[in-house]
Protein backbone atom coordinates (compact mmCIF):
# COMPACT_ATOMS: atom_id res chain seq x y z
CA MET A 1 19.45 -73.03 -36.27
CA ARG A 2 22.46 -72.40 -38.67
CA SER A 3 24.27 -75.33 -39.94
CA VAL A 4 28.03 -75.32 -39.12
CA VAL A 5 29.00 -76.19 -42.76
CA SER A 6 26.63 -74.95 -45.41
CA SER A 7 28.29 -76.99 -48.29
CA SER A 8 29.90 -80.44 -48.28
CA ARG A 9 31.80 -79.92 -51.69
CA SER A 10 35.31 -81.09 -52.18
CA PHE A 11 38.30 -78.93 -50.91
CA SER A 12 40.42 -79.83 -54.05
CA SER A 13 38.43 -77.83 -56.44
CA SER A 14 39.47 -74.15 -56.74
CA SER A 15 36.02 -73.25 -57.59
CA SER A 16 34.25 -74.85 -54.57
CA LYS A 17 33.63 -72.73 -51.51
CA THR A 18 32.87 -74.31 -48.14
CA ARG A 19 31.73 -71.80 -45.66
CA VAL A 20 31.84 -72.05 -41.87
CA PHE A 21 29.64 -70.11 -39.57
CA LEU A 22 30.97 -69.71 -36.01
CA PRO A 23 29.75 -67.20 -33.54
CA VAL A 24 32.98 -65.31 -33.57
CA PHE A 25 33.57 -65.18 -37.39
CA ASP A 26 32.65 -66.21 -40.77
CA TYR A 27 35.43 -67.62 -42.73
CA ASP A 28 35.86 -69.37 -46.01
CA LEU A 29 37.78 -72.74 -45.42
CA SER A 30 38.89 -73.19 -48.98
CA ALA A 31 41.00 -69.98 -48.77
CA THR A 32 43.00 -71.68 -46.04
CA LEU A 33 44.03 -74.47 -48.34
CA ASP A 34 45.35 -72.06 -50.96
CA SER A 35 47.87 -69.48 -49.41
CA GLY A 36 48.03 -67.53 -52.63
CA GLN A 37 44.18 -67.04 -52.49
CA VAL A 38 44.59 -65.69 -48.94
CA PHE A 39 47.44 -63.45 -49.95
CA ARG A 40 45.35 -62.09 -52.88
CA TRP A 41 42.33 -61.63 -50.75
CA GLN A 42 44.13 -59.60 -48.20
CA GLN A 43 45.83 -57.50 -50.89
CA GLU A 44 42.47 -56.72 -52.43
CA ARG A 45 41.45 -55.25 -49.21
CA GLY A 46 44.56 -53.25 -48.69
CA ARG A 47 45.89 -55.38 -45.75
CA PRO A 48 49.50 -56.61 -45.50
CA ALA A 49 49.46 -60.41 -46.01
CA ARG A 50 50.67 -61.10 -42.56
CA GLU A 51 47.67 -59.59 -40.87
CA PHE A 52 44.77 -61.96 -40.38
CA PRO A 53 41.27 -60.32 -39.98
CA LEU A 54 39.96 -62.23 -37.08
CA PRO A 55 38.04 -60.33 -34.31
CA VAL A 56 39.37 -62.90 -31.76
CA ARG A 57 43.03 -61.64 -32.48
CA ALA A 58 42.07 -57.95 -31.81
CA GLY A 59 40.13 -59.03 -28.59
CA THR A 60 43.01 -61.08 -27.12
CA ALA A 61 46.08 -59.13 -28.29
CA GLY A 62 46.47 -57.32 -25.00
CA PHE A 63 46.27 -60.46 -22.98
CA VAL A 64 48.70 -62.41 -25.33
CA ALA A 65 51.15 -59.54 -25.17
CA GLY A 66 51.01 -59.29 -21.47
CA PHE A 67 51.28 -62.98 -20.92
CA SER A 68 54.22 -63.12 -23.28
CA PHE A 69 55.90 -60.34 -21.29
CA VAL A 70 55.50 -62.25 -18.02
CA LEU A 71 56.97 -65.39 -19.81
CA TRP A 72 59.93 -63.26 -21.13
CA SER A 73 60.47 -61.94 -17.69
CA PHE A 74 60.58 -65.45 -16.29
CA GLY A 75 63.11 -66.30 -19.06
CA THR A 76 65.17 -63.22 -18.24
CA TRP A 77 65.18 -64.31 -14.46
CA TRP A 78 66.88 -67.54 -15.49
CA ILE A 79 70.01 -65.78 -16.80
CA PRO A 80 71.32 -64.59 -13.52
CA LEU A 81 70.49 -67.96 -11.86
CA LEU A 82 72.61 -69.76 -14.67
CA ILE A 83 75.46 -67.44 -13.83
CA VAL A 84 75.08 -68.16 -10.07
CA LEU A 85 74.69 -71.91 -10.43
CA GLY A 86 77.79 -72.06 -12.81
CA LEU A 87 79.86 -70.03 -10.35
CA TRP A 88 78.61 -72.23 -7.45
CA ARG A 89 79.58 -75.45 -9.35
CA HIS A 90 83.01 -74.34 -10.49
CA LEU A 91 84.14 -72.23 -7.48
CA ARG A 92 82.46 -73.68 -4.51
CA HIS A 93 82.55 -77.27 -5.51
CA HIS A 94 85.87 -77.11 -7.62
CA TRP A 95 84.26 -78.80 -10.53
CA PRO A 96 86.99 -78.79 -13.32
CA LEU A 97 86.15 -76.29 -16.13
CA ALA A 98 86.40 -78.73 -19.08
CA TYR A 99 84.36 -79.42 -22.21
CA GLU A 100 81.20 -81.33 -21.65
CA THR A 101 78.51 -81.89 -24.37
CA ALA A 102 75.95 -80.66 -21.80
CA LEU A 103 77.50 -77.22 -22.16
CA TRP A 104 75.59 -76.74 -25.42
CA SER A 105 72.38 -76.95 -23.36
CA VAL A 106 73.47 -73.55 -21.89
CA VAL A 107 74.38 -72.08 -25.32
CA PHE A 108 71.32 -72.77 -27.31
CA PRO A 109 69.07 -70.96 -24.72
CA LEU A 110 71.21 -68.02 -24.58
CA GLY A 111 70.91 -67.64 -28.43
CA MET A 112 67.29 -68.30 -28.57
CA TYR A 113 66.70 -65.67 -25.77
CA SER A 114 68.56 -63.01 -27.75
CA VAL A 115 66.55 -63.67 -30.96
CA ALA A 116 63.25 -64.00 -29.21
CA THR A 117 64.00 -60.79 -27.19
CA LEU A 118 64.66 -58.83 -30.44
CA ALA A 119 61.55 -60.24 -32.18
CA PHE A 120 59.36 -59.78 -29.16
CA GLY A 121 60.51 -56.07 -28.82
CA LYS A 122 59.76 -55.36 -32.43
CA VAL A 123 56.38 -56.90 -32.38
CA THR A 124 55.28 -55.13 -29.13
CA LYS A 125 57.18 -51.87 -30.06
CA LEU A 126 59.16 -52.10 -26.73
CA ALA A 127 62.34 -50.08 -27.62
CA PHE A 128 64.27 -51.07 -24.51
CA MET A 129 64.37 -54.80 -25.62
CA ALA A 130 66.62 -54.12 -28.78
CA PRO A 131 69.77 -53.16 -26.67
CA ILE A 132 69.08 -56.19 -24.36
CA ALA A 133 68.91 -58.48 -27.53
CA HIS A 134 72.17 -57.19 -28.90
CA VAL A 135 74.02 -57.66 -25.83
CA MET A 136 72.63 -61.11 -25.36
CA LEU A 137 73.40 -61.88 -28.86
CA TRP A 138 77.06 -61.16 -28.22
CA VAL A 139 77.04 -63.14 -24.95
CA ALA A 140 75.51 -66.04 -27.04
CA ILE A 141 78.27 -65.74 -29.69
CA ALA A 142 81.06 -65.66 -27.07
CA ALA A 143 79.50 -68.73 -25.27
CA TRP A 144 79.21 -70.59 -28.62
CA THR A 145 82.74 -69.65 -29.48
CA ALA A 146 84.16 -70.86 -26.15
CA VAL A 147 82.21 -74.17 -26.13
CA ALA A 148 83.12 -74.90 -29.81
CA ALA A 149 86.85 -74.16 -29.17
CA ALA A 150 86.76 -76.32 -25.93
CA ALA A 151 85.28 -79.07 -28.04
CA VAL A 152 87.92 -78.63 -30.76
CA ILE A 153 90.75 -78.77 -28.14
CA ARG A 154 89.19 -81.82 -26.45
CA LEU A 155 89.02 -83.55 -29.95
CA ALA A 156 92.43 -82.54 -30.79
CA GLY A 157 93.81 -83.89 -27.49
CA ARG A 158 91.83 -87.01 -27.85
CA SER A 159 93.21 -87.91 -31.33
CA GLY A 160 96.74 -87.83 -30.10
CA SER A 161 96.11 -90.14 -27.22
CA VAL A 162 94.52 -92.81 -29.21
CA ALA A 163 96.85 -95.95 -29.55
CA ASP A 164 97.92 -96.84 -32.95
CA PRO A 165 96.30 -100.27 -33.87
CA ALA A 166 98.95 -101.09 -36.36
CA GLY A 167 101.73 -100.52 -33.88
């Protein structure tokens, strides 16, 4: 039976090598501790530095991409729901449209959704995602501008209403 670790030398020395033997891959742990060494190792083999040569990655790439698409679709479904709930709150229940710090919890996901959509589209080479990401980026910028303007207006209105303690 093979041992899991064939050497118990220190990780701090650059000359020491600790090899790990797993059923899926054989990997040198000392290379993980020195990112420059990993970069050089991959360049010597003609691979871009961001590609990691694990068989597990190739075997699960389809599942991960498909599951990520399902999660992206779920996130996309929340956007119309966000709009409907906002209209329901302000039109149906006549909630005043005023600044609240909770509005930032709407702005942040819009920005993250647009950036994540753009990145996911590039990685998976799904061209239809780029226009969606660009439109959502402008929506996020508009939402950020509106909430920031409302915050400034509220702060400006509040500073004029504070009683002068000296007077």
